[in-house]
Structure formats: C-alpha cells, structure tokens
N, C-alpha and C. Protein backbone atom coordinates (compact mmCIF):
# COMPACT_ATOMS: atom_id res chain seq x y z
N LEU A 1 128.53 162.46 -24.03
CA LEU A 1 129.59 162.12 -23.12
C LEU A 1 130.94 162.28 -23.80
N PHE A 2 131.94 162.56 -23.02
CA PHE A 2 133.29 162.64 -23.54
C PHE A 2 134.24 162.06 -22.52
N GLU A 3 135.36 161.62 -22.99
CA GLU A 3 136.37 161.06 -22.11
C GLU A 3 137.41 162.12 -21.80
N GLU A 4 137.83 162.18 -20.55
CA GLU A 4 138.88 163.11 -20.17
C GLU A 4 140.23 162.50 -20.49
N GLU A 5 141.10 163.31 -21.05
CA GLU A 5 142.46 162.85 -21.31
C GLU A 5 143.30 163.09 -20.06
N GLU A 6 144.16 162.15 -19.77
CA GLU A 6 145.07 162.32 -18.65
C GLU A 6 146.16 163.31 -19.06
N VAL A 7 146.33 164.36 -18.28
CA VAL A 7 147.33 165.37 -18.57
C VAL A 7 148.49 165.17 -17.60
N THR A 8 149.65 164.96 -18.16
CA THR A 8 150.83 164.79 -17.32
C THR A 8 151.80 165.93 -17.61
N ALA A 9 152.15 166.66 -16.59
CA ALA A 9 153.09 167.76 -16.76
C ALA A 9 154.49 167.20 -16.94
N LYS A 10 155.22 167.78 -17.88
CA LYS A 10 156.60 167.39 -18.08
C LYS A 10 157.47 168.06 -17.03
N SER A 11 158.54 167.41 -16.67
CA SER A 11 159.46 167.98 -15.70
C SER A 11 160.21 169.15 -16.33
N PRO A 12 160.74 170.08 -15.51
CA PRO A 12 161.50 171.21 -16.08
C PRO A 12 162.67 170.75 -16.94
N GLU A 13 163.21 169.57 -16.64
CA GLU A 13 164.35 169.06 -17.39
C GLU A 13 163.98 168.64 -18.81
N ASN A 14 162.71 168.27 -19.03
CA ASN A 14 162.32 167.69 -20.31
C ASN A 14 161.19 168.43 -21.02
N GLU A 15 160.80 169.57 -20.51
CA GLU A 15 159.67 170.29 -21.10
C GLU A 15 159.99 170.84 -22.49
N HIS A 16 161.23 171.28 -22.69
CA HIS A 16 161.65 171.90 -23.95
C HIS A 16 162.89 171.20 -24.49
N PRO A 17 163.26 171.46 -25.76
CA PRO A 17 164.34 170.69 -26.39
C PRO A 17 165.77 171.05 -25.96
N LYS A 18 166.01 172.28 -25.49
CA LYS A 18 167.38 172.69 -25.17
C LYS A 18 167.69 172.48 -23.69
N LYS A 19 168.75 171.79 -23.41
CA LYS A 19 169.16 171.53 -22.03
C LYS A 19 169.88 172.75 -21.46
N ALA A 20 169.64 173.03 -20.17
CA ALA A 20 170.25 174.19 -19.52
C ALA A 20 170.61 173.83 -18.08
N PHE A 21 171.46 174.67 -17.49
CA PHE A 21 171.88 174.46 -16.10
C PHE A 21 171.90 175.81 -15.38
N GLY A 22 171.49 175.79 -14.13
CA GLY A 22 171.52 176.99 -13.30
C GLY A 22 171.56 176.61 -11.84
N TRP A 23 171.50 177.61 -11.00
CA TRP A 23 171.46 177.42 -9.55
C TRP A 23 170.09 177.90 -9.09
N ALA A 24 169.34 177.02 -8.43
CA ALA A 24 167.95 177.33 -8.10
C ALA A 24 167.66 177.17 -6.61
N ALA A 25 166.79 178.05 -6.13
CA ALA A 25 166.19 177.87 -4.80
C ALA A 25 164.97 176.98 -5.00
N ARG A 26 164.82 176.00 -4.16
CA ARG A 26 163.68 175.09 -4.27
C ARG A 26 162.62 175.37 -3.20
N ASP A 27 162.97 176.26 -2.28
CA ASP A 27 162.03 176.65 -1.22
C ASP A 27 162.50 177.99 -0.65
N ALA A 28 161.80 178.49 0.36
CA ALA A 28 162.08 179.82 0.91
C ALA A 28 163.33 179.89 1.78
N SER A 29 164.08 178.79 1.88
CA SER A 29 165.33 178.83 2.65
C SER A 29 166.36 179.74 1.98
N GLY A 30 166.24 179.92 0.67
CA GLY A 30 167.19 180.73 -0.08
C GLY A 30 168.42 179.97 -0.50
N LEU A 31 168.55 178.72 -0.12
CA LEU A 31 169.69 177.90 -0.49
C LEU A 31 169.64 177.61 -1.99
N LEU A 32 170.73 177.90 -2.70
CA LEU A 32 170.80 177.65 -4.14
C LEU A 32 171.51 176.32 -4.39
N LEU A 33 170.88 175.47 -5.18
CA LEU A 33 171.41 174.15 -5.49
C LEU A 33 171.48 173.98 -7.00
N PRO A 34 172.35 173.09 -7.50
CA PRO A 34 172.41 172.84 -8.95
C PRO A 34 171.04 172.43 -9.48
N PHE A 35 170.72 172.93 -10.68
CA PHE A 35 169.40 172.70 -11.25
C PHE A 35 169.51 172.53 -12.76
N HIS A 36 169.10 171.39 -13.26
CA HIS A 36 169.05 171.14 -14.70
C HIS A 36 167.63 171.39 -15.17
N PHE A 37 167.51 172.15 -16.26
CA PHE A 37 166.19 172.45 -16.81
C PHE A 37 166.30 172.55 -18.32
N SER A 38 165.23 172.90 -18.98
CA SER A 38 165.25 172.99 -20.44
C SER A 38 164.69 174.33 -20.89
N ARG A 39 165.09 174.74 -22.08
CA ARG A 39 164.63 175.99 -22.68
C ARG A 39 164.00 175.67 -24.03
N ARG A 40 163.09 176.52 -24.46
CA ARG A 40 162.46 176.31 -25.77
C ARG A 40 163.48 176.56 -26.88
N ALA A 41 163.16 176.12 -28.05
CA ALA A 41 164.03 176.33 -29.21
C ALA A 41 164.10 177.83 -29.51
N THR A 42 165.19 178.26 -30.10
CA THR A 42 165.37 179.66 -30.47
C THR A 42 164.37 180.03 -31.56
N GLY A 43 163.57 181.05 -31.30
CA GLY A 43 162.57 181.51 -32.27
C GLY A 43 163.16 182.48 -33.27
N GLU A 44 162.37 182.87 -34.25
CA GLU A 44 162.86 183.72 -35.34
C GLU A 44 163.29 185.11 -34.88
N LYS A 45 162.76 185.59 -33.73
CA LYS A 45 163.14 186.91 -33.22
C LYS A 45 164.02 186.81 -31.97
N ASP A 46 164.50 185.62 -31.64
CA ASP A 46 165.25 185.38 -30.41
C ASP A 46 166.76 185.43 -30.61
N VAL A 47 167.44 185.74 -29.52
CA VAL A 47 168.89 185.64 -29.44
C VAL A 47 169.19 184.70 -28.27
N THR A 48 169.94 183.64 -28.52
CA THR A 48 170.33 182.72 -27.45
C THR A 48 171.77 183.04 -27.07
N LEU A 49 172.00 183.14 -25.76
CA LEU A 49 173.35 183.44 -25.32
C LEU A 49 173.82 182.47 -24.25
N LYS A 50 175.12 182.33 -24.20
CA LYS A 50 175.76 181.57 -23.14
C LYS A 50 176.08 182.57 -22.05
N VAL A 51 175.53 182.38 -20.85
CA VAL A 51 175.76 183.30 -19.75
C VAL A 51 177.17 183.06 -19.21
N LEU A 52 177.98 184.12 -19.22
CA LEU A 52 179.34 184.05 -18.71
C LEU A 52 179.42 184.57 -17.28
N TYR A 53 178.64 185.62 -16.99
CA TYR A 53 178.60 186.21 -15.66
C TYR A 53 177.17 186.61 -15.35
N CYS A 54 176.80 186.50 -14.07
CA CYS A 54 175.44 186.85 -13.67
C CYS A 54 175.47 187.48 -12.28
N GLY A 55 174.80 188.61 -12.16
CA GLY A 55 174.69 189.26 -10.86
C GLY A 55 173.39 188.89 -10.19
N ILE A 56 173.44 188.81 -8.88
CA ILE A 56 172.22 188.57 -8.09
C ILE A 56 172.02 189.81 -7.23
N CYS A 57 170.91 190.50 -7.43
CA CYS A 57 170.66 191.73 -6.71
C CYS A 57 169.81 191.48 -5.46
N HIS A 58 169.62 192.53 -4.69
CA HIS A 58 168.86 192.45 -3.45
C HIS A 58 167.43 191.95 -3.70
N SER A 59 166.84 192.37 -4.80
CA SER A 59 165.48 191.92 -5.13
C SER A 59 165.45 190.41 -5.38
N ASP A 60 166.49 189.88 -6.02
CA ASP A 60 166.56 188.43 -6.23
C ASP A 60 166.56 187.69 -4.91
N LEU A 61 167.31 188.23 -3.93
CA LEU A 61 167.38 187.58 -2.61
C LEU A 61 166.01 187.59 -1.93
N HIS A 62 165.29 188.72 -2.02
CA HIS A 62 163.94 188.78 -1.46
C HIS A 62 163.03 187.76 -2.15
N TYR A 63 163.17 187.66 -3.48
CA TYR A 63 162.31 186.75 -4.24
C TYR A 63 162.54 185.29 -3.83
N ILE A 64 163.81 184.84 -3.83
CA ILE A 64 164.04 183.42 -3.54
C ILE A 64 163.68 183.05 -2.11
N LYS A 65 163.66 184.04 -1.20
CA LYS A 65 163.25 183.78 0.18
C LYS A 65 161.75 184.01 0.37
N ASN A 66 161.06 184.34 -0.70
CA ASN A 66 159.62 184.58 -0.71
C ASN A 66 159.21 185.65 0.30
N ASP A 67 160.04 186.68 0.42
CA ASP A 67 159.74 187.77 1.34
C ASP A 67 158.50 188.55 0.93
N TRP A 68 158.11 188.46 -0.34
CA TRP A 68 156.93 189.18 -0.82
C TRP A 68 155.80 188.19 -1.10
N GLY A 69 155.75 187.10 -0.39
CA GLY A 69 154.82 186.00 -0.66
C GLY A 69 153.36 186.33 -0.75
N ASN A 70 152.89 187.33 -0.05
CA ASN A 70 151.46 187.64 -0.08
C ASN A 70 151.12 188.76 -1.05
N HIS A 71 152.04 189.08 -1.94
CA HIS A 71 151.83 190.16 -2.90
C HIS A 71 151.94 189.59 -4.31
N ASP A 72 152.08 190.46 -5.27
CA ASP A 72 152.15 190.05 -6.68
C ASP A 72 153.43 189.33 -7.03
N PHE A 73 154.43 189.38 -6.14
CA PHE A 73 155.72 188.80 -6.46
C PHE A 73 156.00 187.52 -5.68
N ALA A 74 154.99 186.74 -5.39
CA ALA A 74 155.20 185.49 -4.66
C ALA A 74 156.13 184.58 -5.45
N ALA A 75 157.06 183.95 -4.76
CA ALA A 75 158.03 183.09 -5.43
C ALA A 75 157.36 181.85 -6.01
N ASN A 76 157.89 181.43 -7.14
CA ASN A 76 157.45 180.21 -7.80
C ASN A 76 158.68 179.32 -7.89
N TYR A 77 158.68 178.22 -7.15
CA TYR A 77 159.86 177.35 -7.08
C TYR A 77 159.76 176.20 -8.05
N PRO A 78 160.87 175.72 -8.58
CA PRO A 78 162.23 176.21 -8.37
C PRO A 78 162.42 177.58 -9.01
N ALA A 79 163.22 178.43 -8.36
CA ALA A 79 163.47 179.78 -8.83
C ALA A 79 164.97 179.95 -9.09
N VAL A 80 165.30 180.32 -10.31
CA VAL A 80 166.69 180.58 -10.69
C VAL A 80 166.88 182.10 -10.69
N PRO A 81 167.56 182.65 -9.66
CA PRO A 81 167.70 184.10 -9.59
C PRO A 81 168.77 184.62 -10.54
N GLY A 82 168.74 185.92 -10.74
CA GLY A 82 169.76 186.56 -11.57
C GLY A 82 169.19 187.00 -12.89
N HIS A 83 169.20 188.29 -13.14
CA HIS A 83 168.68 188.81 -14.41
C HIS A 83 169.64 189.83 -15.00
N GLU A 84 170.74 190.06 -14.35
CA GLU A 84 171.76 190.99 -14.84
C GLU A 84 172.92 190.15 -15.36
N VAL A 85 172.92 189.88 -16.67
CA VAL A 85 173.86 188.91 -17.21
C VAL A 85 174.78 189.52 -18.26
N VAL A 86 175.93 188.90 -18.43
CA VAL A 86 176.85 189.17 -19.52
C VAL A 86 177.13 187.83 -20.16
N GLY A 87 177.10 187.79 -21.48
CA GLY A 87 177.33 186.53 -22.15
C GLY A 87 177.78 186.69 -23.58
N GLU A 88 177.76 185.57 -24.29
CA GLU A 88 178.16 185.52 -25.69
C GLU A 88 177.03 184.92 -26.50
N VAL A 89 176.69 185.56 -27.62
CA VAL A 89 175.63 185.06 -28.50
C VAL A 89 176.07 183.75 -29.12
N ILE A 90 175.24 182.71 -28.97
CA ILE A 90 175.57 181.41 -29.57
C ILE A 90 174.59 181.00 -30.67
N GLU A 91 173.46 181.74 -30.77
CA GLU A 91 172.49 181.44 -31.83
C GLU A 91 171.57 182.64 -32.01
N VAL A 92 171.20 182.94 -33.26
CA VAL A 92 170.25 184.01 -33.53
C VAL A 92 169.13 183.49 -34.42
N GLY A 93 167.93 184.03 -34.20
CA GLY A 93 166.79 183.67 -35.03
C GLY A 93 166.90 184.27 -36.42
N SER A 94 166.11 183.76 -37.32
CA SER A 94 166.18 184.17 -38.73
C SER A 94 165.82 185.63 -38.96
N ASN A 95 165.07 186.25 -38.07
CA ASN A 95 164.69 187.66 -38.24
C ASN A 95 165.51 188.62 -37.37
N VAL A 96 166.56 188.15 -36.75
CA VAL A 96 167.42 189.01 -35.92
C VAL A 96 168.43 189.70 -36.82
N GLN A 97 168.56 191.04 -36.65
CA GLN A 97 169.45 191.80 -37.52
C GLN A 97 170.63 192.45 -36.80
N ASN A 98 170.51 192.72 -35.51
CA ASN A 98 171.54 193.51 -34.83
C ASN A 98 172.54 192.70 -34.02
N PHE A 99 172.42 191.38 -34.04
CA PHE A 99 173.34 190.52 -33.29
C PHE A 99 173.80 189.39 -34.17
N THR A 100 175.05 188.96 -33.96
CA THR A 100 175.57 187.80 -34.67
C THR A 100 176.25 186.87 -33.67
N VAL A 101 176.37 185.62 -34.05
CA VAL A 101 177.04 184.64 -33.20
C VAL A 101 178.45 185.14 -32.87
N GLY A 102 178.80 185.06 -31.60
CA GLY A 102 180.10 185.51 -31.15
C GLY A 102 180.09 186.88 -30.50
N ASP A 103 179.01 187.67 -30.71
CA ASP A 103 178.92 188.98 -30.06
C ASP A 103 178.89 188.82 -28.54
N LYS A 104 179.54 189.75 -27.86
CA LYS A 104 179.45 189.82 -26.40
C LYS A 104 178.28 190.73 -26.08
N VAL A 105 177.41 190.30 -25.18
CA VAL A 105 176.19 191.05 -24.87
C VAL A 105 175.97 191.14 -23.37
N GLY A 106 175.17 192.10 -22.94
CA GLY A 106 174.85 192.24 -21.53
C GLY A 106 173.58 193.01 -21.36
C-alpha cells in the first residue's frame, strides 16, 4: 500500500520566482484584462528582457477568441497575446555571448 500525496497547483502569480504583468484574455470573449503572473528564473542560456512594445497580430486575435478551438490551436486561458516584441535586455544567463544588459532587442 502507498499513500497518495495531495497535489496542489500553484497559481500563475506564484508558480515561479519572477513577478510579471501582462494583459490576458480569461475566456473566449477576447476581452483583455490586467494579469499578474510569474516567470521562471533566468537560465544559463536565457536572455530576459523588459518588453517596451508589443504587437498583436490577427492570429493572436483568433487565438484569444478560441476561433480554432477544435484544432491543434485551442486556446488555453488565461492567454497573454502578443509575440512580436521590442524590448531591452535586463539579464543574461552565464552562457549567453551575443547579448548584454542594456541591448535593445526585437
């Protein structure tokens, strides 16, 4: 016999050590609301950036409204749209060679 451990999922705000903020759709209405979440620590091959500008494309709009819900791209809420970003590097991992803190990236 063995005992089952109770598994409790951490909230998006507390799952990882770095605090973050974005605008998220929480359902298929497409309405974007303020959303606090967390990010994992910067790894040895990672570049962390502060997002200064972010574009939302037509595909993002389809995603947050779950227009492709019965296919491979079903929305997972909360969903923070936007993948076309411009920002500034604020941290680099120990094995990163081509970026330094302060670089502008996109």
